[in-house]
Amino acid sequence: MKLTLRVWRQKNAEAEGAMSTYEVDGISSDMSFLEMLDTLNEELILKGEDPVAFDHDCREGICGACSLVINGDAHGPERTTTCQLHMRSFKDGDTIDIEPWRASAFPVIKDLVVDRTAFDRIIQAGGYITAPTGAAPEAHATPVPKPDADSAFEHAECIGCGACVAACPNGAAMLFTSAKVNHLNVLPQGAPERETRVLDMVAQMDEEGFGGCTLTGECATACPKGIPLMSITSMNKEWLRATRKAKR
């Protein structure tokens, strides 16, 4: 495959960025999108040019590092992570626009790399449980209803990639935050911090400068792990309940 790539290049956080155009040839349809970028970077290095900086780690769709907007879609045309997107999703001769996440809370560090430590601070604000030390309790000592266990597992699948923020027209982080809140709040182990968790994490989310949620649903559509939009509704209920309790 021969492709035309229009890639966002930005030297550092203070520099102005712009789209640069590159031609790549000999791209196999079996390559992942990141392998295609590796090929581009090999060519740039051989020419003595600065390679394109982009985030990656496990390349197995688990770590959430591969954060790219491809032709206007977070992670590209398929509902998957960028590292699991393959070039067979494109056609020979295509022009592909590649940009970083676009959100004020995710400032660009260089090229396609953005600073997502805002997510870390949201988790640090309340994403933990009070775990007693000592021997592990017997597995069935604390019964958990299957619907609650299923919900916890569903929300635990969030990999913190930020596609929800990138896809949201408001740059909101409600789907990410709700996944982290609901993951623990539905379990008995998360009960001691149930109220403080949702209040603290939502407050930190607002402090980070993410936009307001208007339930457009783009976040859930872009999420590669299928976190449901109802997760936001569940968190809102938790927040209202905790707010009322705190005012008593």
Protein backbone atom coordinates (compact mmCIF):
# COMPACT_ATOMS: atom_id res chain seq x y z
CA MET A 1 0.00 0.00 0.00
CA LYS A 2 1.09 3.56 -0.72
CA LEU A 3 -0.29 6.18 1.64
CA THR A 4 -0.15 9.90 2.20
CA LEU A 5 0.16 10.80 5.88
CA ARG A 6 -0.67 14.22 7.25
CA VAL A 7 0.86 14.20 10.74
CA TRP A 8 0.69 16.81 13.49
CA ARG A 9 4.24 17.95 14.33
CA GLN A 10 4.94 20.09 17.37
CA LYS A 11 8.46 20.44 18.73
CA ASN A 12 7.42 21.02 22.34
CA ALA A 13 4.58 22.26 24.51
CA GLU A 14 5.41 25.93 23.86
CA ALA A 15 5.95 25.67 20.10
CA GLU A 16 3.24 26.14 17.49
CA GLY A 17 2.31 22.95 15.70
CA ALA A 18 1.35 22.22 12.12
CA MET A 19 0.47 19.31 9.87
CA SER A 20 3.36 17.81 7.89
CA THR A 21 2.86 15.56 4.87
CA TYR A 22 4.74 12.31 4.30
CA GLU A 23 4.53 9.57 1.69
CA VAL A 24 4.98 5.95 2.76
CA ASP A 25 5.12 2.95 0.43
CA GLY A 26 5.28 -0.80 0.85
CA ILE A 27 2.84 -0.83 3.77
CA SER A 28 1.36 -4.27 4.39
CA SER A 29 -2.35 -4.53 5.13
CA ASP A 30 -1.41 -6.85 8.02
CA MET A 31 0.61 -4.13 9.79
CA SER A 32 -0.84 -2.45 12.83
CA PHE A 33 -1.22 1.32 12.66
CA LEU A 34 1.72 1.77 15.02
CA GLU A 35 3.90 -0.53 12.89
CA MET A 36 3.08 1.72 9.97
CA LEU A 37 4.28 4.70 12.01
CA ASP A 38 7.42 2.73 12.90
CA THR A 39 8.06 2.35 9.16
CA LEU A 40 7.64 6.09 8.67
CA ASN A 41 10.03 6.83 11.53
CA GLU A 42 12.67 4.45 10.14
CA GLU A 43 12.56 6.37 6.87
CA LEU A 44 12.77 9.73 8.67
CA ILE A 45 15.75 8.59 10.76
CA LEU A 46 17.59 7.34 7.66
CA LYS A 47 17.06 10.80 6.13
CA GLY A 48 18.46 12.45 9.24
CA GLU A 49 15.07 13.90 10.21
CA ASP A 50 13.38 13.95 13.60
CA PRO A 51 11.05 10.92 13.99
CA VAL A 52 7.41 11.40 14.92
CA ALA A 53 6.89 11.10 18.68
CA PHE A 54 3.88 9.01 19.68
CA ASP A 55 2.82 7.10 22.79
CA HIS A 56 2.89 3.30 22.89
CA ASP A 57 3.64 0.52 25.33
CA CYS A 58 2.10 -2.97 25.37
CA ARG A 59 0.66 -2.83 21.82
CA GLU A 60 -1.91 -5.38 22.95
CA GLY A 61 -4.88 -3.07 23.56
CA ILE A 62 -4.47 -3.13 27.33
CA CYS A 63 -2.30 -0.23 28.50
CA GLY A 64 -4.22 2.65 26.86
CA ALA A 65 -1.06 4.49 25.81
CA CYS A 66 -1.72 4.65 22.05
CA SER A 67 -3.65 7.91 21.87
CA LEU A 68 -4.20 9.10 18.30
CA VAL A 69 -6.99 10.86 16.43
CA ILE A 70 -7.08 9.24 12.99
CA ASN A 71 -9.11 10.96 10.28
CA GLY A 72 -11.06 12.74 12.99
CA ASP A 73 -11.89 9.64 15.03
CA ALA A 74 -10.34 8.67 18.36
CA HIS A 75 -8.30 5.50 17.70
CA GLY A 76 -9.45 5.49 14.08
CA PRO A 77 -12.33 4.00 12.06
CA GLU A 78 -12.66 0.79 14.10
CA ARG A 79 -13.85 0.49 17.70
CA THR A 80 -10.49 -0.61 19.06
CA THR A 81 -7.22 0.84 20.31
CA THR A 82 -4.78 2.37 17.83
CA CYS A 83 -2.27 -0.44 18.39
CA GLN A 84 -4.93 -3.01 17.47
CA LEU A 85 -6.06 -1.08 14.39
CA HIS A 86 -4.67 -2.70 11.24
CA MET A 87 -3.89 -1.13 7.91
CA ARG A 88 -6.48 -3.32 6.18
CA SER A 89 -8.96 -0.74 7.48
CA PHE A 90 -7.53 1.64 4.85
CA LYS A 91 -7.16 1.51 1.09
CA ASP A 92 -4.15 1.94 -1.17
CA GLY A 93 -3.73 5.62 -2.02
CA ASP A 94 -5.58 6.89 1.05
CA THR A 95 -4.68 10.15 2.77
CA ILE A 96 -4.65 9.73 6.56
CA ASP A 97 -4.72 12.61 9.04
CA ILE A 98 -3.02 11.79 12.36
CA GLU A 99 -3.41 14.13 15.33
CA PRO A 100 -3.03 14.03 19.13
CA TRP A 101 -5.94 14.09 21.57
CA ARG A 102 -7.53 17.56 21.50
CA ALA A 103 -8.45 18.73 25.01
CA SER A 104 -7.20 21.57 27.18
CA ALA A 105 -6.69 19.10 30.04
CA PHE A 106 -4.39 17.03 27.77
CA PRO A 107 -1.67 19.50 26.69
CA VAL A 108 0.60 18.38 23.87
CA ILE A 109 4.13 17.45 24.99
CA LYS A 110 5.56 16.74 21.54
CA ASP A 111 4.02 15.79 18.19
CA LEU A 112 1.36 13.18 19.00
CA VAL A 113 2.23 12.78 22.69
CA VAL A 114 -0.07 14.44 25.24
CA ASP A 115 0.12 14.80 29.01
CA ARG A 116 -2.62 12.63 30.55
CA THR A 117 -1.52 12.90 34.17
CA ALA A 118 -4.86 14.60 34.88
CA PHE A 119 -6.33 11.09 34.83
CA ASP A 120 -3.77 9.96 37.41
CA ARG A 121 -4.73 12.79 39.73
CA ILE A 122 -8.43 11.91 39.44
CA ILE A 123 -7.66 8.33 40.46
CA GLN A 124 -5.40 9.51 43.28
CA ALA A 125 -8.27 11.65 44.60
CA GLY A 126 -10.33 8.60 45.49
CA GLY A 127 -9.58 5.50 43.46
CA TYR A 128 -8.64 3.22 46.34
CA ILE A 129 -10.21 1.03 49.01
CA THR A 130 -9.42 0.53 52.69
CA ALA A 131 -7.74 -2.86 52.54
CA PRO A 132 -6.95 -4.59 55.86
CA THR A 133 -3.56 -6.27 56.11
CA GLY A 134 -3.03 -9.86 57.18
CA ALA A 135 -4.23 -13.14 55.76
CA ALA A 136 -6.57 -13.05 52.77
CA PRO A 137 -10.22 -13.66 53.68
CA GLU A 138 -11.95 -16.79 52.43
CA ALA A 139 -13.18 -16.21 48.87
CA HIS A 140 -16.89 -16.50 49.71
CA ALA A 141 -16.76 -14.66 53.05
CA THR A 142 -18.20 -11.51 51.47
CA PRO A 143 -21.05 -12.38 49.11
CA VAL A 144 -21.30 -10.10 46.08
CA PRO A 145 -24.49 -10.28 43.97
CA LYS A 146 -23.70 -11.29 40.40
CA PRO A 147 -25.16 -8.09 38.85
CA ASP A 148 -22.81 -6.05 41.08
CA ALA A 149 -19.82 -8.24 40.21
CA ASP A 150 -20.63 -7.99 36.50
CA SER A 151 -20.91 -4.21 36.77
CA ALA A 152 -17.60 -3.96 38.62
CA PHE A 153 -15.84 -6.07 35.99
CA GLU A 154 -17.42 -4.03 33.18
CA HIS A 155 -16.16 -0.75 34.63
CA ALA A 156 -12.76 -2.21 35.54
CA GLU A 157 -12.11 -2.71 31.81
CA CYS A 158 -11.44 1.03 31.42
CA ILE A 159 -7.80 1.42 30.35
CA GLY A 160 -7.65 5.19 30.80
CA CYS A 161 -6.71 5.86 27.19
CA GLY A 162 -8.65 9.15 27.02
CA ALA A 163 -10.59 8.38 23.84
CA CYS A 164 -13.75 9.46 25.66
CA VAL A 165 -12.28 12.92 26.24
CA ALA A 166 -10.96 13.18 22.69
CA ALA A 167 -14.32 12.20 21.19
CA CYS A 168 -16.42 14.44 23.42
CA PRO A 169 -17.29 17.81 21.82
CA ASN A 170 -16.94 19.35 25.30
CA GLY A 171 -13.72 17.56 26.26
CA ALA A 172 -15.48 15.98 29.26
CA ALA A 173 -13.97 13.17 31.33
CA MET A 174 -17.22 11.90 32.81
CA LEU A 175 -17.05 8.40 31.27
CA PHE A 176 -13.53 7.80 32.58
CA THR A 177 -14.34 9.15 36.04
CA SER A 178 -17.60 7.23 36.25
CA ALA A 179 -15.84 3.99 35.32
CA LYS A 180 -13.32 4.47 38.13
CA VAL A 181 -16.02 5.47 40.63
CA ASN A 182 -18.49 2.70 39.76
CA HIS A 183 -15.83 0.02 39.60
CA LEU A 184 -15.28 0.33 43.36
CA ASN A 185 -18.59 1.75 44.58
CA VAL A 186 -20.65 -1.29 43.60
CA LEU A 187 -18.46 -3.64 45.66
CA PRO A 188 -18.67 -4.10 49.45
CA GLN A 189 -14.91 -3.49 49.68
CA GLY A 190 -15.48 0.01 48.33
CA ALA A 191 -18.28 0.87 50.75
CA PRO A 192 -16.19 2.70 53.41
CA GLU A 193 -15.13 5.42 50.93
CA ARG A 194 -18.27 5.33 48.81
CA GLU A 195 -19.37 8.93 49.44
CA THR A 196 -15.94 10.56 49.69
CA ARG A 197 -14.76 8.73 46.58
CA VAL A 198 -17.37 10.15 44.23
CA LEU A 199 -17.22 13.63 45.73
CA ASP A 200 -13.41 13.82 45.65
CA MET A 201 -12.97 12.33 42.19
CA VAL A 202 -15.62 14.54 40.60
CA ALA A 203 -14.14 17.60 42.31
CA GLN A 204 -10.68 16.71 41.01
CA MET A 205 -12.08 16.13 37.53
CA ASP A 206 -13.56 19.64 37.54
CA GLU A 207 -10.33 21.11 38.89
CA GLU A 208 -8.35 19.58 36.02
CA GLY A 209 -10.30 21.68 33.52
CA PHE A 210 -12.28 19.03 31.66
CA GLY A 211 -15.46 20.23 29.98
CA GLY A 212 -19.00 19.68 31.16
CA CYS A 213 -20.95 16.58 30.15
CA THR A 214 -24.08 17.04 28.02
CA LEU A 215 -24.64 13.29 27.43
CA THR A 216 -24.04 13.43 23.69
CA GLY A 217 -22.82 9.83 23.88
CA GLU A 218 -19.73 10.25 21.71
CA CYS A 219 -17.58 9.07 24.63
CA ALA A 220 -19.28 5.67 24.83
CA THR A 221 -19.22 5.31 21.05
CA ALA A 222 -15.45 5.86 20.94
CA CYS A 223 -14.56 3.80 24.02
CA PRO A 224 -12.53 0.79 22.85
CA LYS A 225 -13.57 -1.21 25.92
CA GLY A 226 -17.29 -0.52 25.67
CA ILE A 227 -17.83 1.37 28.93
CA PRO A 228 -21.60 2.09 28.77
CA LEU A 229 -23.08 5.59 28.78
CA MET A 230 -25.28 4.53 31.72
CA SER A 231 -22.09 4.58 33.78
CA ILE A 232 -22.33 8.39 33.86
CA THR A 233 -25.95 8.23 35.07
CA SER A 234 -24.93 5.84 37.84
CA MET A 235 -22.15 8.16 38.96
CA ASN A 236 -24.50 11.14 38.94
CA LYS A 237 -26.85 9.24 41.25
CA GLU A 238 -23.92 8.41 43.54
CA TRP A 239 -22.83 12.05 43.56
CA LEU A 240 -26.32 13.36 44.38
CA ARG A 241 -26.74 10.82 47.15
CA ALA A 242 -23.33 11.67 48.64
CA THR A 243 -23.98 15.41 48.36
CA ARG A 244 -27.30 15.13 50.19
CA LYS A 245 -25.72 12.99 52.90
CA ALA A 246 -22.86 15.45 53.36
CA LYS A 247 -25.36 18.32 53.92
CA ARG A 248 -27.20 16.55 56.72
